[in-house]
Amino acid sequence: LEVFERLQHWPLVSGVKPLEKALRGSYRVRTGSWRVLFRLVHDKSGKVERIIVWKIDNRRDVYEA
C-alpha cells in the first residue's frame, strides 16, 4: 500500500522509471522485489487525472507476457 501512497504525489515520486519498446508510455516503480507497472491518464489541460496500475508482480516475472 505504501507504493500507492507514493504515487499520489506524482510527479515527485522517487524510483519511477519510464518503460521502453513495447511498453513505451508506461512507467514502473519498485518496492522491494516487486514492480508496479502503471500509465498516466491526463485531462484536457494536460494535468494527470488518474494513474492506472496495470500489473504488480515480482521483478523476475513482471516483464513477461
Protein backbone atom coordinates (compact mmCIF):
# COMPACT_ATOMS: atom_id res chain seq x y z
CA LEU A 1 0.00 0.00 0.00
CA GLU A 2 2.96 2.31 0.58
CA VAL A 3 3.72 2.49 -3.13
CA PHE A 4 0.17 3.71 -3.86
CA GLU A 5 0.58 6.46 -1.30
CA ARG A 6 3.84 7.44 -3.02
CA LEU A 7 2.14 7.59 -6.43
CA GLN A 8 -0.37 10.13 -5.08
CA HIS A 9 2.47 12.65 -5.10
CA TRP A 10 3.15 12.36 -8.85
CA PRO A 11 5.50 13.64 -10.32
CA LEU A 12 7.51 13.84 -7.08
CA VAL A 13 7.85 10.07 -6.78
CA SER A 14 11.32 8.61 -6.36
CA GLY A 15 12.34 5.43 -8.12
CA VAL A 16 9.98 5.74 -11.08
CA LYS A 17 11.39 4.87 -14.48
CA PRO A 18 9.75 5.07 -17.90
CA LEU A 19 9.48 1.79 -19.78
CA GLU A 20 10.74 1.29 -23.33
CA LYS A 21 9.95 -0.56 -26.55
CA ALA A 22 6.59 -2.36 -26.47
CA LEU A 23 5.83 -0.90 -23.01
CA ARG A 24 6.60 2.69 -24.01
CA GLY A 25 4.17 5.13 -22.37
CA SER A 26 4.10 3.17 -19.13
CA TYR A 27 6.22 3.51 -16.03
CA ARG A 28 7.48 1.26 -13.27
CA VAL A 29 8.14 1.84 -9.63
CA ARG A 30 9.84 -0.70 -7.43
CA THR A 31 9.07 -1.66 -3.89
CA GLY A 32 11.40 -4.32 -2.57
CA SER A 33 11.49 -7.18 -5.07
CA TRP A 34 8.12 -6.15 -6.51
CA ARG A 35 7.44 -3.94 -9.51
CA VAL A 36 4.31 -1.88 -10.12
CA LEU A 37 3.63 -1.01 -13.77
CA PHE A 38 1.33 1.91 -14.47
CA ARG A 39 0.17 4.51 -17.00
CA LEU A 40 -0.82 8.11 -16.56
CA VAL A 41 -4.14 9.46 -17.84
CA HIS A 42 -4.18 13.21 -18.48
CA ASP A 43 -7.17 15.53 -18.62
CA LYS A 44 -7.69 18.01 -21.46
CA SER A 45 -5.41 20.55 -19.83
CA GLY A 46 -2.55 18.05 -19.58
CA LYS A 47 -2.79 17.55 -15.82
CA VAL A 48 -2.58 13.97 -14.53
CA GLU A 49 -6.14 12.89 -13.90
CA ARG A 50 -5.58 9.23 -12.97
CA ILE A 51 -2.87 6.66 -12.55
CA ILE A 52 -3.83 3.24 -13.89
CA VAL A 53 -1.90 0.38 -12.33
CA TRP A 54 -1.99 -2.49 -14.80
CA LYS A 55 0.42 -5.02 -13.32
CA ILE A 56 2.03 -5.87 -9.99
CA ASP A 57 4.47 -8.74 -9.96
CA ASN A 58 7.82 -9.97 -8.73
CA ARG A 59 10.76 -8.38 -10.51
CA ARG A 60 11.81 -11.63 -12.19
CA ASP A 61 8.36 -12.11 -13.82
CA VAL A 62 6.91 -8.64 -14.29
CA TYR A 63 8.01 -8.00 -17.88
CA GLU A 64 6.92 -11.39 -19.23
CA ALA A 65 3.70 -11.58 -21.22
